Amino acid sequence: MDQARPQAQNGDFKKDLPSKTAVYEHVQKYAKPCSWTAAWWLIQTMALWGVLNAAAFFCPNYWMATIVAGLMSLVRLRLFILYHDMGHNSFFGTDKLNQRVGYFIGSLVFGDFFFYW
């Protein structure tokens, strides 16, 4: 039997699901933003973005540039997700830090942060 897809006995999947209380307790540890973790994710993403920009600048041929451009689009998507969370003031612990860093990331990569929201 496949462990990833449990087979239902008489079509009843609900008995194998965790309770609402168990799910709520598990999610609570992720409900509040941690500025240190957020900063670490942002530093990693910006470093990768910088490395890929440098790689794109020094690409010796079009095929490598195409591969680097594809990777850059994935990093840009990640930056947009972080930027989006900053717009909801849910990335860093304080609203002011979310707005300032969000404005910087938005201006650097996408456009005006305040225009987006």
PDB file of N, CA and C in Angstrom:
ATOM      1  N   MET A   1       0.828  -1.191   0.000  1.00  0.00           N
ATOM      2  CA  MET A   1       0.000   0.000   0.000  1.00  0.00           C
ATOM      3  C   MET A   1       0.873   1.257   0.000  1.00  0.00           C
ATOM      4  N   ASP A   2       0.383   2.255  -0.633  1.00  0.00           N
ATOM      5  CA  ASP A   2       1.072   3.539  -0.676  1.00  0.00           C
ATOM      6  C   ASP A   2       0.791   4.302   0.614  1.00  0.00           C
ATOM      7  N   GLN A   3       1.854   4.656   1.343  1.00  0.00           N
ATOM      8  CA  GLN A   3       1.694   5.355   2.620  1.00  0.00           C
ATOM      9  C   GLN A   3       1.247   6.797   2.437  1.00  0.00           C
ATOM     10  N   ALA A   4       1.591   7.399   1.299  1.00  0.00           N
ATOM     11  CA  ALA A   4       1.240   8.803   1.073  1.00  0.00           C
ATOM     12  C   ALA A   4      -0.264   8.979   0.844  1.00  0.00           C
ATOM     13  N   ARG A   5      -0.923   7.938   0.370  1.00  0.00           N
ATOM     14  CA  ARG A   5      -2.359   8.021   0.089  1.00  0.00           C
ATOM     15  C   ARG A   5      -3.082   6.943   0.883  1.00  0.00           C
ATOM     16  N   PRO A   6      -3.509   7.255   2.077  1.00  0.00           N
ATOM     17  CA  PRO A   6      -4.200   6.236   2.867  1.00  0.00           C
ATOM     18  C   PRO A   6      -5.544   5.878   2.247  1.00  0.00           C
ATOM     19  N   GLN A   7      -5.856   4.626   2.311  1.00  0.00           N
ATOM     20  CA  GLN A   7      -7.132   4.152   1.789  1.00  0.00           C
ATOM     21  C   GLN A   7      -8.201   4.308   2.864  1.00  0.00           C
ATOM     22  N   ALA A   8      -9.338   4.810   2.466  1.00  0.00           N
ATOM     23  CA  ALA A   8     -10.421   5.040   3.419  1.00  0.00           C
ATOM     24  C   ALA A   8     -11.168   3.743   3.681  1.00  0.00           C
ATOM     25  N   GLN A   9     -11.532   3.545   4.918  1.00  0.00           N
ATOM     26  CA  GLN A   9     -12.403   2.435   5.284  1.00  0.00           C
ATOM     27  C   GLN A   9     -13.827   2.955   5.232  1.00  0.00           C
ATOM     28  N   ASN A  10     -14.600   2.452   4.351  1.00  0.00           N
ATOM     29  CA  ASN A  10     -15.992   2.885   4.178  1.00  0.00           C
ATOM     30  C   ASN A  10     -16.101   4.359   3.816  1.00  0.00           C
ATOM     31  N   GLY A  11     -15.080   4.914   3.162  1.00  0.00           N
ATOM     32  CA  GLY A  11     -15.116   6.304   2.719  1.00  0.00           C
ATOM     33  C   GLY A  11     -14.967   7.324   3.827  1.00  0.00           C
ATOM     34  N   ASP A  12     -14.460   6.947   4.999  1.00  0.00           N
ATOM     35  CA  ASP A  12     -14.350   7.874   6.127  1.00  0.00           C
ATOM     36  C   ASP A  12     -12.893   8.283   6.337  1.00  0.00           C
ATOM     37  N   PHE A  13     -12.531   9.464   5.803  1.00  0.00           N
ATOM     38  CA  PHE A  13     -11.183   9.985   5.993  1.00  0.00           C
ATOM     39  C   PHE A  13     -11.066  10.796   7.282  1.00  0.00           C
ATOM     40  N   LYS A  14     -12.167  11.279   7.802  1.00  0.00           N
ATOM     41  CA  LYS A  14     -12.138  12.202   8.934  1.00  0.00           C
ATOM     42  C   LYS A  14     -11.545  11.582  10.193  1.00  0.00           C
ATOM     43  N   LYS A  15     -11.675  10.292  10.378  1.00  0.00           N
ATOM     44  CA  LYS A  15     -11.162   9.693  11.607  1.00  0.00           C
ATOM     45  C   LYS A  15      -9.635   9.700  11.657  1.00  0.00           C
ATOM     46  N   ASP A  16      -8.957   9.802  10.490  1.00  0.00           N
ATOM     47  CA  ASP A  16      -7.499   9.824  10.444  1.00  0.00           C
ATOM     48  C   ASP A  16      -6.921  11.237  10.519  1.00  0.00           C
ATOM     49  N   LEU A  17      -7.752  12.246  10.412  1.00  0.00           N
ATOM     50  CA  LEU A  17      -7.286  13.632  10.442  1.00  0.00           C
ATOM     51  C   LEU A  17      -7.082  14.098  11.881  1.00  0.00           C
ATOM     52  N   PRO A  18      -6.093  14.994  12.104  1.00  0.00           N
ATOM     53  CA  PRO A  18      -5.931  15.546  13.456  1.00  0.00           C
ATOM     54  C   PRO A  18      -7.092  16.478  13.798  1.00  0.00           C
ATOM     55  N   SER A  19      -7.293  16.691  15.061  1.00  0.00           N
ATOM     56  CA  SER A  19      -8.383  17.566  15.493  1.00  0.00           C
ATOM     57  C   SER A  19      -8.036  19.027  15.191  1.00  0.00           C
ATOM     58  N   LYS A  20      -9.053  19.878  15.214  1.00  0.00           N
ATOM     59  CA  LYS A  20      -8.827  21.307  14.995  1.00  0.00           C
ATOM     60  C   LYS A  20      -7.903  21.876  16.060  1.00  0.00           C
ATOM     61  N   THR A  21      -8.055  21.417  17.285  1.00  0.00           N
ATOM     62  CA  THR A  21      -7.222  21.903  18.386  1.00  0.00           C
ATOM     63  C   THR A  21      -5.763  21.542  18.162  1.00  0.00           C
ATOM     64  N   ALA A  22      -5.489  20.321  17.702  1.00  0.00           N
ATOM     65  CA  ALA A  22      -4.115  19.896  17.451  1.00  0.00           C
ATOM     66  C   ALA A  22      -3.485  20.712  16.319  1.00  0.00           C
ATOM     67  N   VAL A  23      -4.255  20.975  15.284  1.00  0.00           N
ATOM     68  CA  VAL A  23      -3.751  21.781  14.175  1.00  0.00           C
ATOM     69  C   VAL A  23      -3.493  23.210  14.637  1.00  0.00           C
ATOM     70  N   TYR A  24      -4.409  23.771  15.405  1.00  0.00           N
ATOM     71  CA  TYR A  24      -4.259  25.135  15.911  1.00  0.00           C
ATOM     72  C   TYR A  24      -3.011  25.247  16.790  1.00  0.00           C
ATOM     73  N   GLU A  25      -2.790  24.290  17.675  1.00  0.00           N
ATOM     74  CA  GLU A  25      -1.610  24.317  18.544  1.00  0.00           C
ATOM     75  C   GLU A  25      -0.322  24.218  17.736  1.00  0.00           C
ATOM     76  N   HIS A  26      -0.335  23.418  16.684  1.00  0.00           N
ATOM     77  CA  HIS A  26       0.852  23.281  15.847  1.00  0.00           C
ATOM     78  C   HIS A  26       1.153  24.576  15.089  1.00  0.00           C
ATOM     79  N   VAL A  27       0.116  25.237  14.590  1.00  0.00           N
ATOM     80  CA  VAL A  27       0.286  26.442  13.780  1.00  0.00           C
ATOM     81  C   VAL A  27       0.658  27.652  14.633  1.00  0.00           C
ATOM     82  N   GLN A  28       0.313  27.646  15.902  1.00  0.00           N
ATOM     83  CA  GLN A  28       0.568  28.805  16.772  1.00  0.00           C
ATOM     84  C   GLN A  28       2.036  29.192  16.831  1.00  0.00           C
ATOM     85  N   LYS A  29       2.956  28.235  16.758  1.00  0.00           N
ATOM     86  CA  LYS A  29       4.372  28.588  16.836  1.00  0.00           C
ATOM     87  C   LYS A  29       4.855  29.342  15.597  1.00  0.00           C
ATOM     88  N   TYR A  30       4.073  29.325  14.528  1.00  0.00           N
ATOM     89  CA  TYR A  30       4.412  30.056  13.308  1.00  0.00           C
ATOM     90  C   TYR A  30       3.552  31.306  13.122  1.00  0.00           C
ATOM     91  N   ALA A  31       2.712  31.629  14.078  1.00  0.00           N
ATOM     92  CA  ALA A  31       1.751  32.714  13.924  1.00  0.00           C
ATOM     93  C   ALA A  31       2.364  34.096  14.103  1.00  0.00           C
ATOM     94  N   LYS A  32       3.474  34.210  14.807  1.00  0.00           N
ATOM     95  CA  LYS A  32       4.099  35.511  15.040  1.00  0.00           C
ATOM     96  C   LYS A  32       5.420  35.591  14.296  1.00  0.00           C
ATOM     97  N   PRO A  33       5.683  36.726  13.654  1.00  0.00           N
ATOM     98  CA  PRO A  33       6.934  36.849  12.892  1.00  0.00           C
ATOM     99  C   PRO A  33       8.153  36.972  13.802  1.00  0.00           C
ATOM    100  N   CYS A  34       9.254  36.436  13.345  1.00  0.00           N
ATOM    101  CA  CYS A  34      10.531  36.560  14.037  1.00  0.00           C
ATOM    102  C   CYS A  34      11.461  37.378  13.138  1.00  0.00           C
ATOM    103  N   SER A  35      11.876  38.533  13.617  1.00  0.00           N
ATOM    104  CA  SER A  35      12.683  39.430  12.785  1.00  0.00           C
ATOM    105  C   SER A  35      14.033  38.823  12.418  1.00  0.00           C
ATOM    106  N   TRP A  36      14.617  38.024  13.299  1.00  0.00           N
ATOM    107  CA  TRP A  36      15.926  37.412  13.003  1.00  0.00           C
ATOM    108  C   TRP A  36      15.802  36.385  11.884  1.00  0.00           C
ATOM    109  N   THR A  37      14.789  35.560  11.950  1.00  0.00           N
ATOM    110  CA  THR A  37      14.565  34.570  10.891  1.00  0.00           C
ATOM    111  C   THR A  37      14.236  35.273   9.574  1.00  0.00           C
ATOM    112  N   ALA A  38      13.416  36.310   9.649  1.00  0.00           N
ATOM    113  CA  ALA A  38      13.056  37.063   8.444  1.00  0.00           C
ATOM    114  C   ALA A  38      14.290  37.706   7.822  1.00  0.00           C
ATOM    115  N   ALA A  39      15.150  38.279   8.651  1.00  0.00           N
ATOM    116  CA  ALA A  39      16.373  38.906   8.145  1.00  0.00           C
ATOM    117  C   ALA A  39      17.271  37.864   7.486  1.00  0.00           C
ATOM    118  N   TRP A  40      17.367  36.690   8.082  1.00  0.00           N
ATOM    119  CA  TRP A  40      18.200  35.628   7.515  1.00  0.00           C
ATOM    120  C   TRP A  40      17.675  35.201   6.141  1.00  0.00           C
ATOM    121  N   TRP A  41      16.360  35.037   5.991  1.00  0.00           N
ATOM    122  CA  TRP A  41      15.793  34.672   4.700  1.00  0.00           C
ATOM    123  C   TRP A  41      16.021  35.779   3.666  1.00  0.00           C
ATOM    124  N   LEU A  42      15.898  37.019   4.098  1.00  0.00           N
ATOM    125  CA  LEU A  42      16.092  38.134   3.173  1.00  0.00           C
ATOM    126  C   LEU A  42      17.556  38.244   2.748  1.00  0.00           C
ATOM    127  N   ILE A  43      18.482  38.056   3.675  1.00  0.00           N
ATOM    128  CA  ILE A  43      19.914  38.110   3.342  1.00  0.00           C
ATOM    129  C   ILE A  43      20.271  37.003   2.357  1.00  0.00           C
ATOM    130  N   GLN A  44      19.788  35.801   2.603  1.00  0.00           N
ATOM    131  CA  GLN A  44      20.049  34.693   1.680  1.00  0.00           C
ATOM    132  C   GLN A  44      19.523  34.997   0.280  1.00  0.00           C
ATOM    133  N   THR A  45      18.314  35.490   0.224  1.00  0.00           N
ATOM    134  CA  THR A  45      17.683  35.756  -1.071  1.00  0.00           C
ATOM    135  C   THR A  45      18.397  36.882  -1.806  1.00  0.00           C
ATOM    136  N   MET A  46      18.740  37.951  -1.099  1.00  0.00           N
ATOM    137  CA  MET A  46      19.421  39.065  -1.749  1.00  0.00           C
ATOM    138  C   MET A  46      20.828  38.670  -2.204  1.00  0.00           C
ATOM    139  N   ALA A  47      21.514  37.836  -1.428  1.00  0.00           N
ATOM    140  CA  ALA A  47      22.840  37.372  -1.835  1.00  0.00           C
ATOM    141  C   ALA A  47      22.746  36.530  -3.101  1.00  0.00           C
ATOM    142  N   LEU A  48      21.772  35.647  -3.152  1.00  0.00           N
ATOM    143  CA  LEU A  48      21.583  34.827  -4.344  1.00  0.00           C
ATOM    144  C   LEU A  48      21.210  35.684  -5.541  1.00  0.00           C
ATOM    145  N   TRP A  49      20.381  36.679  -5.317  1.00  0.00           N
ATOM    146  CA  TRP A  49      20.000  37.591  -6.388  1.00  0.00           C
ATOM    147  C   TRP A  49      21.227  38.337  -6.920  1.00  0.00           C
ATOM    148  N   GLY A  50      22.103  38.795  -6.015  1.00  0.00           N
ATOM    149  CA  GLY A  50      23.323  39.490  -6.424  1.00  0.00           C
ATOM    150  C   GLY A  50      24.277  38.589  -7.200  1.00  0.00           C
ATOM    151  N   VAL A  51      24.443  37.355  -6.742  1.00  0.00           N
ATOM    152  CA  VAL A  51      25.319  36.408  -7.434  1.00  0.00           C
ATOM    153  C   VAL A  51      24.787  36.121  -8.837  1.00  0.00           C
ATOM    154  N   LEU A  52      23.488  35.929  -8.959  1.00  0.00           N
ATOM    155  CA  LEU A  52      22.919  35.653 -10.275  1.00  0.00           C
ATOM    156  C   LEU A  52      23.002  36.866 -11.203  1.00  0.00           C
ATOM    157  N   ASN A  53      22.878  38.068 -10.656  1.00  0.00           N
ATOM    158  CA  ASN A  53      23.053  39.266 -11.495  1.00  0.00           C
ATOM    159  C   ASN A  53      24.477  39.361 -12.009  1.00  0.00           C
ATOM    160  N   ALA A  54      25.451  39.062 -11.148  1.00  0.00           N
ATOM    161  CA  ALA A  54      26.848  39.066 -11.582  1.00  0.00           C
ATOM    162  C   ALA A  54      27.088  37.974 -12.622  1.00  0.00           C
ATOM    163  N   ALA A  55      26.510  36.804 -12.400  1.00  0.00           N
ATOM    164  CA  ALA A  55      26.666  35.712 -13.364  1.00  0.00           C
ATOM    165  C   ALA A  55      26.055  36.086 -14.713  1.00  0.00           C
ATOM    166  N   ALA A  56      24.919  36.774 -14.685  1.00  0.00           N
ATOM    167  CA  ALA A  56      24.285  37.190 -15.935  1.00  0.00           C
ATOM    168  C   ALA A  56      25.162  38.192 -16.682  1.00  0.00           C
ATOM    169  N   PHE A  57      25.818  39.052 -15.936  1.00  0.00           N
ATOM    170  CA  PHE A  57      26.676  40.060 -16.555  1.00  0.00           C
ATOM    171  C   PHE A  57      27.885  39.422 -17.239  1.00  0.00           C
ATOM    172  N   PHE A  58      28.425  38.368 -16.640  1.00  0.00           N
ATOM    173  CA  PHE A  58      29.638  37.749 -17.161  1.00  0.00           C
ATOM    174  C   PHE A  58      29.383  36.456 -17.942  1.00  0.00           C
ATOM    175  N   CYS A  59      28.165  36.193 -18.356  1.00  0.00           N
ATOM    176  CA  CYS A  59      27.852  34.966 -19.103  1.00  0.00           C
ATOM    177  C   CYS A  59      28.609  34.939 -20.430  1.00  0.00           C
ATOM    178  N   PRO A  60      29.291  33.828 -20.723  1.00  0.00           N
ATOM    179  CA  PRO A  60      30.065  33.764 -21.966  1.00  0.00           C
ATOM    180  C   PRO A  60      29.223  33.446 -23.210  1.00  0.00           C
ATOM    181  N   ASN A  61      28.025  32.871 -23.045  1.00  0.00           N
ATOM    182  CA  ASN A  61      27.219  32.539 -24.217  1.00  0.00           C
ATOM    183  C   ASN A  61      25.734  32.660 -23.890  1.00  0.00           C
ATOM    184  N   TYR A  62      24.910  32.539 -24.924  1.00  0.00           N
ATOM    185  CA  TYR A  62      23.469  32.735 -24.757  1.00  0.00           C
ATOM    186  C   TYR A  62      22.811  31.609 -23.984  1.00  0.00           C
ATOM    187  N   TRP A  63      23.302  30.384 -24.141  1.00  0.00           N
ATOM    188  CA  TRP A  63      22.685  29.269 -23.433  1.00  0.00           C
ATOM    189  C   TRP A  63      22.848  29.417 -21.923  1.00  0.00           C
ATOM    190  N   MET A  64      24.017  29.794 -21.494  1.00  0.00           N
ATOM    191  CA  MET A  64      24.241  29.988 -20.061  1.00  0.00           C
ATOM    192  C   MET A  64      23.424  31.173 -19.556  1.00  0.00           C
ATOM    193  N   ALA A  65      23.321  32.213 -20.363  1.00  0.00           N
ATOM    194  CA  ALA A  65      22.520  33.379 -19.981  1.00  0.00           C
ATOM    195  C   ALA A  65      21.050  33.000 -19.827  1.00  0.00           C
ATOM    196  N   THR A  66      20.572  32.086 -20.672  1.00  0.00           N
ATOM    197  CA  THR A  66      19.187  31.629 -20.566  1.00  0.00           C
ATOM    198  C   THR A  66      18.956  30.872 -19.265  1.00  0.00           C
ATOM    199  N   ILE A  67      19.904  30.029 -18.905  1.00  0.00           N
ATOM    200  CA  ILE A  67      19.798  29.283 -17.645  1.00  0.00           C
ATOM    201  C   ILE A  67      19.832  30.232 -16.456  1.00  0.00           C
ATOM    202  N   VAL A  68      20.748  31.186 -16.481  1.00  0.00           N
ATOM    203  CA  VAL A  68      20.849  32.165 -15.386  1.00  0.00           C
ATOM    204  C   VAL A  68      19.576  33.007 -15.312  1.00  0.00           C
ATOM    205  N   ALA A  69      19.014  33.373 -16.454  1.00  0.00           N
ATOM    206  CA  ALA A  69      17.771  34.157 -16.460  1.00  0.00           C
ATOM    207  C   ALA A  69      16.627  33.362 -15.839  1.00  0.00           C
ATOM    208  N   GLY A  70      16.568  32.077 -16.111  1.00  0.00           N
ATOM    209  CA  GLY A  70      15.541  31.236 -15.491  1.00  0.00           C
ATOM    210  C   GLY A  70      15.700  31.180 -13.984  1.00  0.00           C
ATOM    211  N   LEU A  71      16.930  31.031 -13.512  1.00  0.00           N
ATOM    212  CA  LEU A  71      17.179  31.031 -12.064  1.00  0.00           C
ATOM    213  C   LEU A  71      16.863  32.387 -11.445  1.00  0.00           C
ATOM    214  N   MET A  72      17.194  33.455 -12.174  1.00  0.00           N
ATOM    215  CA  MET A  72      16.891  34.794 -11.674  1.00  0.00           C
ATOM    216  C   MET A  72      15.384  35.006 -11.543  1.00  0.00           C
ATOM    217  N   SER A  73      14.612  34.424 -12.449  1.00  0.00           N
ATOM    218  CA  SER A  73      13.159  34.584 -12.349  1.00  0.00           C
ATOM    219  C   SER A  73      12.614  33.882 -11.111  1.00  0.00           C
ATOM    220  N   LEU A  74      13.199  32.751 -10.731  1.00  0.00           N
ATOM    221  CA  LEU A  74      12.771  32.062  -9.514  1.00  0.00           C
ATOM    222  C   LEU A  74      13.130  32.862  -8.265  1.00  0.00           C
ATOM    223  N   VAL A  75      14.315  33.472  -8.264  1.00  0.00           N
ATOM    224  CA  VAL A  75      14.718  34.297  -7.119  1.00  0.00           C
ATOM    225  C   VAL A  75      13.846  35.549  -7.054  1.00  0.00           C
ATOM    226  N   ARG A  76      13.502  36.077  -8.202  1.00  0.00           N
ATOM    227  CA  ARG A  76      12.627  37.256  -8.219  1.00  0.00           C
ATOM    228  C   ARG A  76      11.233  36.911  -7.701  1.00  0.00           C
ATOM    229  N   LEU A  77      10.768  35.725  -8.013  1.00  0.00           N
ATOM    230  CA  LEU A  77       9.494  35.263  -7.457  1.00  0.00           C
ATOM    231  C   LEU A  77       9.575  35.159  -5.941  1.00  0.00           C
ATOM    232  N   ARG A  78      10.678  34.635  -5.448  1.00  0.00           N
ATOM    233  CA  ARG A  78      10.862  34.550  -3.999  1.00  0.00           C
ATOM    234  C   ARG A  78      10.899  35.943  -3.376  1.00  0.00           C
ATOM    235  N   LEU A  79      11.585  36.869  -4.019  1.00  0.00           N
ATOM    236  CA  LEU A  79      11.600  38.252  -3.523  1.00  0.00           C
ATOM    237  C   LEU A  79      10.195  38.851  -3.513  1.00  0.00           C
ATOM    238  N   PHE A  80       9.410  38.539  -4.532  1.00  0.00           N
ATOM    239  CA  PHE A  80       8.044  39.051  -4.550  1.00  0.00           C
ATOM    240  C   PHE A  80       7.240  38.486  -3.385  1.00  0.00           C
ATOM    241  N   ILE A  81       7.420  37.216  -3.066  1.00  0.00           N
ATOM    242  CA  ILE A  81       6.689  36.615  -1.951  1.00  0.00           C
ATOM    243  C   ILE A  81       7.074  37.293  -0.637  1.00  0.00           C
ATOM    244  N   LEU A  82       8.366  37.540  -0.444  1.00  0.00           N
ATOM    245  CA  LEU A  82       8.810  38.237   0.771  1.00  0.00           C
ATOM    246  C   LEU A  82       8.267  39.669   0.787  1.00  0.00           C
ATOM    247  N   TYR A  83       8.316  40.326  -0.353  1.00  0.00           N
ATOM    248  CA  TYR A  83       7.811  41.689  -0.514  1.00  0.00           C
ATOM    249  C   TYR A  83       6.313  41.743  -0.198  1.00  0.00           C
ATOM    250  N   HIS A  84       5.591  40.744  -0.662  1.00  0.00           N
ATOM    251  CA  HIS A  84       4.151  40.671  -0.427  1.00  0.00           C
ATOM    252  C   HIS A  84       3.859  40.530   1.070  1.00  0.00           C
ATOM    253  N   ASP A  85       4.636  39.687   1.759  1.00  0.00           N
ATOM    254  CA  ASP A  85       4.458  39.537   3.206  1.00  0.00           C
ATOM    255  C   ASP A  85       4.783  40.833   3.943  1.00  0.00           C
ATOM    256  N   MET A  86       5.767  41.578   3.447  1.00  0.00           N
ATOM    257  CA  MET A  86       6.082  42.869   4.062  1.00  0.00           C
ATOM    258  C   MET A  86       4.921  43.835   3.879  1.00  0.00           C
ATOM    259  N   GLY A  87       4.246  43.744   2.757  1.00  0.00           N
ATOM    260  CA  GLY A  87       3.083  44.597   2.518  1.00  0.00           C
ATOM    261  C   GLY A  87       1.947  44.335   3.494  1.00  0.00           C
ATOM    262  N   HIS A  88       1.861  43.123   3.995  1.00  0.00           N
ATOM    263  CA  HIS A  88       0.857  42.779   5.003  1.00  0.00           C
ATOM    264  C   HIS A  88       1.386  42.965   6.422  1.00  0.00           C
ATOM    265  N   ASN A  89       2.588  43.511   6.555  1.00  0.00           N
ATOM    266  CA  ASN A  89       3.249  43.710   7.856  1.00  0.00           C
ATOM    267  C   ASN A  89       3.348  42.405   8.649  1.00  0.00           C
ATOM    268  N   SER A  90       3.633  41.316   7.936  1.00  0.00           N
ATOM    269  CA  SER A  90       3.717  40.025   8.603  1.00  0.00           C
ATOM    270  C   SER A  90       5.077  39.368   8.448  1.00  0.00           C
ATOM    271  N   PHE A  91       6.043  40.046   7.852  1.00  0.00           N
ATOM    272  CA  PHE A  91       7.359  39.437   7.644  1.00  0.00           C
ATOM    273  C   PHE A  91       8.277  39.701   8.829  1.00  0.00           C
ATOM    274  N   PHE A  92       8.482  40.964   9.146  1.00  0.00           N
ATOM    275  CA  PHE A  92       9.271  41.344  10.319  1.00  0.00           C
ATOM    276  C   PHE A  92       8.339  41.572  11.499  1.00  0.00           C
ATOM    277  N   GLY A  93       8.915  41.708  12.675  1.00  0.00           N
ATOM    278  CA  GLY A  93       8.117  41.887  13.881  1.00  0.00           C
ATOM    279  C   GLY A  93       7.470  43.252  14.016  1.00  0.00           C
ATOM    280  N   THR A  94       8.013  44.277  13.353  1.00  0.00           N
ATOM    281  CA  THR A  94       7.467  45.625  13.488  1.00  0.00           C
ATOM    282  C   THR A  94       6.964  46.145  12.137  1.00  0.00           C
ATOM    283  N   ASP A  95       5.934  46.957  12.188  1.00  0.00           N
ATOM    284  CA  ASP A  95       5.367  47.527  10.965  1.00  0.00           C
ATOM    285  C   ASP A  95       6.360  48.454  10.271  1.00  0.00           C
ATOM    286  N   LYS A  96       7.079  49.242  11.052  1.00  0.00           N
ATOM    287  CA  LYS A  96       8.020  50.202  10.474  1.00  0.00           C
ATOM    288  C   LYS A  96       9.117  49.488   9.681  1.00  0.00           C
ATOM    289  N   LEU A  97       9.641  48.402  10.241  1.00  0.00           N
ATOM    290  CA  LEU A  97      10.685  47.649   9.544  1.00  0.00           C
ATOM    291  C   LEU A  97      10.127  46.995   8.279  1.00  0.00           C
ATOM    292  N   ASN A  98       8.930  46.459   8.348  1.00  0.00           N
ATOM    293  CA  ASN A  98       8.282  45.882   7.164  1.00  0.00           C
ATOM    294  C   ASN A  98       8.144  46.926   6.066  1.00  0.00           C
ATOM    295  N   GLN A  99       7.719  48.136   6.415  1.00  0.00           N
ATOM    296  CA  GLN A  99       7.509  49.181   5.423  1.00  0.00           C
ATOM    297  C   GLN A  99       8.822  49.671   4.826  1.00  0.00           C
ATOM    298  N   ARG A 100       9.831  49.866   5.653  1.00  0.00           N
ATOM    299  CA  ARG A 100      11.110  50.372   5.142  1.00  0.00           C
ATOM    300  C   ARG A 100      11.816  49.366   4.248  1.00  0.00           C
ATOM    301  N   VAL A 101      11.906  48.127   4.710  1.00  0.00           N
ATOM    302  CA  VAL A 101      12.564  47.103   3.898  1.00  0.00           C
ATOM    303  C   VAL A 101      11.713  46.780   2.677  1.00  0.00           C
ATOM    304  N   GLY A 102      10.397  46.755   2.839  1.00  0.00           N
ATOM    305  CA  GLY A 102       9.512  46.520   1.702  1.00  0.00           C
ATOM    306  C   GLY A 102       9.649  47.601   0.643  1.00  0.00           C
ATOM    307  N   TYR A 103       9.790  48.833   1.066  1.00  0.00           N
ATOM    308  CA  TYR A 103       9.991  49.932   0.115  1.00  0.00           C
ATOM    309  C   TYR A 103      11.309  49.744  -0.637  1.00  0.00           C
ATOM    310  N   PHE A 104      12.367  49.353   0.074  1.00  0.00           N
ATOM    311  CA  PHE A 104      13.674  49.133  -0.557  1.00  0.00           C
ATOM    312  C   PHE A 104      13.610  47.978  -1.558  1.00  0.00           C
ATOM    313  N   ILE A 105      13.062  46.842  -1.131  1.00  0.00           N
ATOM    314  CA  ILE A 105      12.976  45.678  -2.013  1.00  0.00           C
ATOM    315  C   ILE A 105      12.078  45.990  -3.210  1.00  0.00           C
ATOM    316  N   GLY A 106      10.956  46.633  -2.955  1.00  0.00           N
ATOM    317  CA  GLY A 106      10.050  46.976  -4.046  1.00  0.00           C
ATOM    318  C   GLY A 106      10.679  47.932  -5.046  1.00  0.00           C
ATOM    319  N   SER A 107      11.383  48.930  -4.564  1.00  0.00           N
ATOM    320  CA  SER A 107      12.028  49.902  -5.456  1.00  0.00           C
ATOM    321  C   SER A 107      13.184  49.278  -6.219  1.00  0.00           C
ATOM    322  N   LEU A 108      13.880  48.355  -5.579  1.00  0.00           N
ATOM    323  CA  LEU A 108      15.031  47.717  -6.203  1.00  0.00           C
ATOM    324  C   LEU A 108      14.619  46.719  -7.280  1.00  0.00           C
ATOM    325  N   VAL A 109      13.568  45.988  -7.018  1.00  0.00           N
ATOM    326  CA  VAL A 109      13.238  44.860  -7.884  1.00  0.00           C
ATOM    327  C   VAL A 109      11.959  45.064  -8.695  1.00  0.00           C
ATOM    328  N   PHE A 110      10.935  45.684  -8.126  1.00  0.00           N
ATOM    329  CA  PHE A 110       9.633  45.707  -8.783  1.00  0.00           C
ATOM    330  C   PHE A 110       9.131  47.092  -9.126  1.00  0.00           C
ATOM    331  N   GLY A 111       9.116  47.934  -8.176  1.00  0.00           N
ATOM    332  CA  GLY A 111       8.519  49.252  -8.335  1.00  0.00           C
ATOM    333  C   GLY A 111       8.191  49.785  -6.959  1.00  0.00           C
ATOM    334  N   ASP A 112       7.439  50.822  -6.910  1.00  0.00           N
ATOM    335  CA  ASP A 112       7.151  51.491  -5.644  1.00  0.00           C
ATOM    336  C   ASP A 112       6.323  50.605  -4.717  1.00  0.00           C
ATOM    337  N   PHE A 113       6.784  50.482  -3.475  1.00  0.00           N
ATOM    338  CA  PHE A 113       6.112  49.662  -2.468  1.00  0.00           C
ATOM    339  C   PHE A 113       4.730  50.215  -2.140  1.00  0.00           C
ATOM    340  N   PHE A 114       4.616  51.510  -1.964  1.00  0.00           N
ATOM    341  CA  PHE A 114       3.355  52.105  -1.575  1.00  0.00           C
ATOM    342  C   PHE A 114       2.349  52.126  -2.725  1.00  0.00           C
ATOM    343  N   PHE A 115       2.851  52.164  -3.944  1.00  0.00           N
ATOM    344  CA  PHE A 115       1.949  52.091  -5.095  1.00  0.00           C
ATOM    345  C   PHE A 115       1.329  50.703  -5.180  1.00  0.00           C
ATOM    346  N   TYR A 116       2.108  49.677  -4.835  1.00  0.00           N
ATOM    347  CA  TYR A 116       1.612  48.304  -4.898  1.00  0.00           C
ATOM    348  C   TYR A 116       0.475  48.094  -3.903  1.00  0.00           C
ATOM    349  N   TRP A 117       0.578  48.695  -2.734  1.00  0.00           N
ATOM    350  CA  TRP A 117      -0.447  48.506  -1.709  1.00  0.00           C
ATOM    351  C   TRP A 117      -1.381  49.678  -1.728  1.00  0.00           C
TER     352      TRP A 117
END
